[in-house]
Amino acid sequence: MLKAAGDAVSALRGQPLALALVVVNLLFLTGFAFMLREIAQAVARKDALLAKIASHCMK
């Protein structure tokens, strides 16, 4: 596994455009994962708030 990673890095050193594409893709995927996590947290907060409101209405 380490040898394959080393080979990939050495191959990308000779191809700066491919390296830039890999870096941009990794940044995009990281940003997308962060955005999904934030959306999931916002939905959880909304659900908790709606449950609290509903419990007050049922009294």
PDB file of N, CA and C in Angstrom:
ATOM      1  N   MET A   1       0.832  -1.196   0.000  1.00  0.00           N
ATOM      2  CA  MET A   1       0.000   0.000   0.000  1.00  0.00           C
ATOM      3  C   MET A   1       0.874   1.256   0.000  1.00  0.00           C
ATOM      4  N   LEU A   2       1.889   1.272   0.848  1.00  0.00           N
ATOM      5  CA  LEU A   2       2.789   2.428   0.892  1.00  0.00           C
ATOM      6  C   LEU A   2       3.562   2.587  -0.403  1.00  0.00           C
ATOM      7  N   LYS A   3       3.937   1.462  -0.995  1.00  0.00           N
ATOM      8  CA  LYS A   3       4.673   1.526  -2.255  1.00  0.00           C
ATOM      9  C   LYS A   3       3.784   2.105  -3.357  1.00  0.00           C
ATOM     10  N   ALA A   4       2.526   1.689  -3.371  1.00  0.00           N
ATOM     11  CA  ALA A   4       1.594   2.207  -4.375  1.00  0.00           C
ATOM     12  C   ALA A   4       1.379   3.709  -4.191  1.00  0.00           C
ATOM     13  N   ALA A   5       1.269   4.143  -2.940  1.00  0.00           N
ATOM     14  CA  ALA A   5       1.094   5.574  -2.685  1.00  0.00           C
ATOM     15  C   ALA A   5       2.342   6.349  -3.109  1.00  0.00           C
ATOM     16  N   GLY A   6       3.507   5.792  -2.828  1.00  0.00           N
ATOM     17  CA  GLY A   6       4.748   6.449  -3.252  1.00  0.00           C
ATOM     18  C   GLY A   6       4.866   6.523  -4.759  1.00  0.00           C
ATOM     19  N   ASP A   7       4.458   5.455  -5.429  1.00  0.00           N
ATOM     20  CA  ASP A   7       4.476   5.459  -6.896  1.00  0.00           C
ATOM     21  C   ASP A   7       3.507   6.500  -7.460  1.00  0.00           C
ATOM     22  N   ALA A   8       2.346   6.612  -6.839  1.00  0.00           N
ATOM     23  CA  ALA A   8       1.355   7.591  -7.308  1.00  0.00           C
ATOM     24  C   ALA A   8       1.878   9.014  -7.124  1.00  0.00           C
ATOM     25  N   VAL A   9       2.516   9.275  -5.991  1.00  0.00           N
ATOM     26  CA  VAL A   9       3.055  10.610  -5.738  1.00  0.00           C
ATOM     27  C   VAL A   9       4.168  10.932  -6.727  1.00  0.00           C
ATOM     28  N   SER A  10       5.037   9.972  -6.967  1.00  0.00           N
ATOM     29  CA  SER A  10       6.124  10.238  -7.918  1.00  0.00           C
ATOM     30  C   SER A  10       5.595  10.425  -9.340  1.00  0.00           C
ATOM     31  N   ALA A  11       4.543   9.714  -9.695  1.00  0.00           N
ATOM     32  CA  ALA A  11       3.949   9.893 -11.017  1.00  0.00           C
ATOM     33  C   ALA A  11       3.299  11.275 -11.143  1.00  0.00           C
ATOM     34  N   LEU A  12       2.658  11.739 -10.059  1.00  0.00           N
ATOM     35  CA  LEU A  12       1.997  13.039 -10.101  1.00  0.00           C
ATOM     36  C   LEU A  12       3.002  14.191 -10.110  1.00  0.00           C
ATOM     37  N   ARG A  13       4.193  13.964  -9.596  1.00  0.00           N
ATOM     38  CA  ARG A  13       5.217  15.022  -9.632  1.00  0.00           C
ATOM     39  C   ARG A  13       5.583  15.395 -11.068  1.00  0.00           C
ATOM     40  N   GLY A  14       5.513  14.429 -11.953  1.00  0.00           N
ATOM     41  CA  GLY A  14       5.828  14.689 -13.354  1.00  0.00           C
ATOM     42  C   GLY A  14       4.665  15.293 -14.116  1.00  0.00           C
ATOM     43  N   GLN A  15       3.481  15.289 -13.506  1.00  0.00           N
ATOM     44  CA  GLN A  15       2.273  15.796 -14.160  1.00  0.00           C
ATOM     45  C   GLN A  15       1.621  16.858 -13.268  1.00  0.00           C
ATOM     46  N   PRO A  16       2.084  18.098 -13.315  1.00  0.00           N
ATOM     47  CA  PRO A  16       1.527  19.111 -12.411  1.00  0.00           C
ATOM     48  C   PRO A  16       0.040  19.395 -12.642  1.00  0.00           C
ATOM     49  N   LEU A  17      -0.419  19.238 -13.861  1.00  0.00           N
ATOM     50  CA  LEU A  17      -1.838  19.469 -14.130  1.00  0.00           C
ATOM     51  C   LEU A  17      -2.690  18.393 -13.462  1.00  0.00           C
ATOM     52  N   ALA A  18      -2.241  17.149 -13.533  1.00  0.00           N
ATOM     53  CA  ALA A  18      -2.967  16.065 -12.882  1.00  0.00           C
ATOM     54  C   ALA A  18      -2.942  16.245 -11.365  1.00  0.00           C
ATOM     55  N   LEU A  19      -1.817  16.682 -10.829  1.00  0.00           N
ATOM     56  CA  LEU A  19      -1.716  16.927  -9.394  1.00  0.00           C
ATOM     57  C   LEU A  19      -2.683  18.025  -8.970  1.00  0.00           C
ATOM     58  N   ALA A  20      -2.758  19.079  -9.758  1.00  0.00           N
ATOM     59  CA  ALA A  20      -3.689  20.165  -9.449  1.00  0.00           C
ATOM     60  C   ALA A  20      -5.133  19.667  -9.494  1.00  0.00           C
ATOM     61  N   LEU A  21      -5.444  18.821 -10.444  1.00  0.00           N
ATOM     62  CA  LEU A  21      -6.793  18.264 -10.544  1.00  0.00           C
ATOM     63  C   LEU A  21      -7.124  17.406  -9.335  1.00  0.00           C
ATOM     64  N   VAL A  22      -6.182  16.602  -8.889  1.00  0.00           N
ATOM     65  CA  VAL A  22      -6.401  15.764  -7.710  1.00  0.00           C
ATOM     66  C   VAL A  22      -6.621  16.638  -6.480  1.00  0.00           C
ATOM     67  N   VAL A  23      -5.818  17.669  -6.320  1.00  0.00           N
ATOM     68  CA  VAL A  23      -5.944  18.556  -5.158  1.00  0.00           C
ATOM     69  C   VAL A  23      -7.288  19.273  -5.178  1.00  0.00           C
ATOM     70  N   VAL A  24      -7.684  19.779  -6.325  1.00  0.00           N
ATOM     71  CA  VAL A  24      -8.968  20.482  -6.430  1.00  0.00           C
ATOM     72  C   VAL A  24     -10.121  19.524  -6.129  1.00  0.00           C
ATOM     73  N   ASN A  25     -10.043  18.308  -6.621  1.00  0.00           N
ATOM     74  CA  ASN A  25     -11.095  17.327  -6.339  1.00  0.00           C
ATOM     75  C   ASN A  25     -11.158  17.003  -4.855  1.00  0.00           C
ATOM     76  N   LEU A  26     -10.025  16.849  -4.205  1.00  0.00           N
ATOM     77  CA  LEU A  26     -10.014  16.574  -2.766  1.00  0.00           C
ATOM     78  C   LEU A  26     -10.598  17.737  -1.976  1.00  0.00           C
ATOM     79  N   LEU A  27     -10.266  18.957  -2.376  1.00  0.00           N
ATOM     80  CA  LEU A  27     -10.838  20.122  -1.705  1.00  0.00           C
ATOM     81  C   LEU A  27     -12.348  20.193  -1.905  1.00  0.00           C
ATOM     82  N   PHE A  28     -12.797  19.892  -3.104  1.00  0.00           N
ATOM     83  CA  PHE A  28     -14.232  19.895  -3.392  1.00  0.00           C
ATOM     84  C   PHE A  28     -14.958  18.852  -2.549  1.00  0.00           C
ATOM     85  N   LEU A  29     -14.417  17.648  -2.484  1.00  0.00           N
ATOM     86  CA  LEU A  29     -15.054  16.588  -1.706  1.00  0.00           C
ATOM     87  C   LEU A  29     -15.052  16.908  -0.213  1.00  0.00           C
ATOM     88  N   THR A  30     -13.992  17.507   0.266  1.00  0.00           N
ATOM     89  CA  THR A  30     -13.932  17.900   1.675  1.00  0.00           C
ATOM     90  C   THR A  30     -14.973  18.974   1.974  1.00  0.00           C
ATOM     91  N   GLY A  31     -15.075  19.945   1.108  1.00  0.00           N
ATOM     92  CA  GLY A  31     -16.077  20.995   1.285  1.00  0.00           C
ATOM     93  C   GLY A  31     -17.492  20.452   1.235  1.00  0.00           C
ATOM     94  N   PHE A  32     -17.741  19.516   0.344  1.00  0.00           N
ATOM     95  CA  PHE A  32     -19.069  18.916   0.225  1.00  0.00           C
ATOM     96  C   PHE A  32     -19.406  18.117   1.477  1.00  0.00           C
ATOM     97  N   ALA A  33     -18.433  17.369   2.012  1.00  0.00           N
ATOM     98  CA  ALA A  33     -18.663  16.604   3.235  1.00  0.00           C
ATOM     99  C   ALA A  33     -18.961  17.538   4.404  1.00  0.00           C
ATOM    100  N   PHE A  34     -18.234  18.649   4.491  1.00  0.00           N
ATOM    101  CA  PHE A  34     -18.481  19.636   5.551  1.00  0.00           C
ATOM    102  C   PHE A  34     -19.880  20.221   5.421  1.00  0.00           C
ATOM    103  N   MET A  35     -20.288  20.535   4.198  1.00  0.00           N
ATOM    104  CA  MET A  35     -21.606  21.099   3.971  1.00  0.00           C
ATOM    105  C   MET A  35     -22.700  20.102   4.366  1.00  0.00           C
ATOM    106  N   LEU A  36     -22.522  18.838   4.032  1.00  0.00           N
ATOM    107  CA  LEU A  36     -23.511  17.826   4.405  1.00  0.00           C
ATOM    108  C   LEU A  36     -23.609  17.672   5.922  1.00  0.00           C
ATOM    109  N   ARG A  37     -22.464  17.752   6.603  1.00  0.00           N
ATOM    110  CA  ARG A  37     -22.478  17.654   8.066  1.00  0.00           C
ATOM    111  C   ARG A  37     -23.228  18.829   8.677  1.00  0.00           C
ATOM    112  N   GLU A  38     -23.008  20.020   8.154  1.00  0.00           N
ATOM    113  CA  GLU A  38     -23.707  21.198   8.663  1.00  0.00           C
ATOM    114  C   GLU A  38     -25.211  21.107   8.412  1.00  0.00           C
ATOM    115  N   ILE A  39     -25.595  20.604   7.251  1.00  0.00           N
ATOM    116  CA  ILE A  39     -27.017  20.450   6.941  1.00  0.00           C
ATOM    117  C   ILE A  39     -27.654  19.437   7.882  1.00  0.00           C
ATOM    118  N   ALA A  40     -26.971  18.333   8.137  1.00  0.00           N
ATOM    119  CA  ALA A  40     -27.496  17.312   9.041  1.00  0.00           C
ATOM    120  C   ALA A  40     -27.666  17.866  10.452  1.00  0.00           C
ATOM    121  N   GLN A  41     -26.721  18.671  10.905  1.00  0.00           N
ATOM    122  CA  GLN A  41     -26.840  19.276  12.236  1.00  0.00           C
ATOM    123  C   GLN A  41     -27.996  20.266  12.287  1.00  0.00           C
ATOM    124  N   ALA A  42     -28.195  21.029  11.225  1.00  0.00           N
ATOM    125  CA  ALA A  42     -29.298  21.986  11.187  1.00  0.00           C
ATOM    126  C   ALA A  42     -30.646  21.260  11.200  1.00  0.00           C
ATOM    127  N   VAL A  43     -30.739  20.154  10.484  1.00  0.00           N
ATOM    128  CA  VAL A  43     -31.977  19.373  10.470  1.00  0.00           C
ATOM    129  C   VAL A  43     -32.245  18.781  11.849  1.00  0.00           C
ATOM    130  N   ALA A  44     -31.201  18.311  12.519  1.00  0.00           N
ATOM    131  CA  ALA A  44     -31.374  17.760  13.865  1.00  0.00           C
ATOM    132  C   ALA A  44     -31.850  18.838  14.835  1.00  0.00           C
ATOM    133  N   ARG A  45     -31.289  20.046  14.733  1.00  0.00           N
ATOM    134  CA  ARG A  45     -31.735  21.144  15.593  1.00  0.00           C
ATOM    135  C   ARG A  45     -33.188  21.516  15.298  1.00  0.00           C
ATOM    136  N   LYS A  46     -33.557  21.530  14.029  1.00  0.00           N
ATOM    137  CA  LYS A  46     -34.931  21.856  13.651  1.00  0.00           C
ATOM    138  C   LYS A  46     -35.899  20.807  14.176  1.00  0.00           C
ATOM    139  N   ASP A  47     -35.528  19.533  14.058  1.00  0.00           N
ATOM    140  CA  ASP A  47     -36.395  18.461  14.542  1.00  0.00           C
ATOM    141  C   ASP A  47     -36.580  18.543  16.054  1.00  0.00           C
ATOM    142  N   ALA A  48     -35.499  18.849  16.778  1.00  0.00           N
ATOM    143  CA  ALA A  48     -35.596  18.974  18.230  1.00  0.00           C
ATOM    144  C   ALA A  48     -36.499  20.142  18.602  1.00  0.00           C
ATOM    145  N   LEU A  49     -36.369  21.247  17.898  1.00  0.00           N
ATOM    146  CA  LEU A  49     -37.210  22.407  18.173  1.00  0.00           C
ATOM    147  C   LEU A  49     -38.676  22.108  17.873  1.00  0.00           C
ATOM    148  N   LEU A  50     -38.944  21.442  16.766  1.00  0.00           N
ATOM    149  CA  LEU A  50     -40.331  21.102  16.428  1.00  0.00           C
ATOM    150  C   LEU A  50     -40.923  20.129  17.438  1.00  0.00           C
ATOM    151  N   ALA A  51     -40.127  19.188  17.931  1.00  0.00           N
ATOM    152  CA  ALA A  51     -40.612  18.256  18.951  1.00  0.00           C
ATOM    153  C   ALA A  51     -40.936  18.988  20.241  1.00  0.00           C
ATOM    154  N   LYS A  52     -40.108  19.970  20.593  1.00  0.00           N
ATOM    155  CA  LYS A  52     -40.354  20.762  21.808  1.00  0.00           C
ATOM    156  C   LYS A  52     -41.637  21.577  21.650  1.00  0.00           C
ATOM    157  N   ILE A  53     -41.814  22.181  20.484  1.00  0.00           N
ATOM    158  CA  ILE A  53     -43.031  22.963  20.231  1.00  0.00           C
ATOM    159  C   ILE A  53     -44.257  22.056  20.271  1.00  0.00           C
ATOM    160  N   ALA A  54     -44.151  20.886  19.674  1.00  0.00           N
ATOM    161  CA  ALA A  54     -45.281  19.951  19.650  1.00  0.00           C
ATOM    162  C   ALA A  54     -45.617  19.474  21.056  1.00  0.00           C
ATOM    163  N   SER A  55     -44.597  19.277  21.888  1.00  0.00           N
ATOM    164  CA  SER A  55     -44.885  18.822  23.259  1.00  0.00           C
ATOM    165  C   SER A  55     -45.618  19.907  24.041  1.00  0.00           C
ATOM    166  N   HIS A  56     -45.339  21.185  23.770  1.00  0.00           N
ATOM    167  CA  HIS A  56     -46.056  22.263  24.443  1.00  0.00           C
ATOM    168  C   HIS A  56     -47.475  22.368  23.933  1.00  0.00           C
ATOM    169  N   CYS A  57     -47.733  22.025  22.699  1.00  0.00           N
ATOM    170  CA  CYS A  57     -49.080  22.095  22.138  1.00  0.00           C
ATOM    171  C   CYS A  57     -49.952  20.951  22.661  1.00  0.00           C
ATOM    172  N   MET A  58     -49.344  19.838  23.030  1.00  0.00           N
ATOM    173  CA  MET A  58     -50.115  18.676  23.490  1.00  0.00           C
ATOM    174  C   MET A  58     -50.553  18.799  24.947  1.00  0.00           C
ATOM    175  N   LYS A  59     -50.021  19.763  25.675  1.00  0.00           N
ATOM    176  CA  LYS A  59     -50.361  19.911  27.098  1.00  0.00           C
ATOM    177  C   LYS A  59     -51.779  20.369  27.297  1.00  0.00           C
TER     178      LYS A  59
END
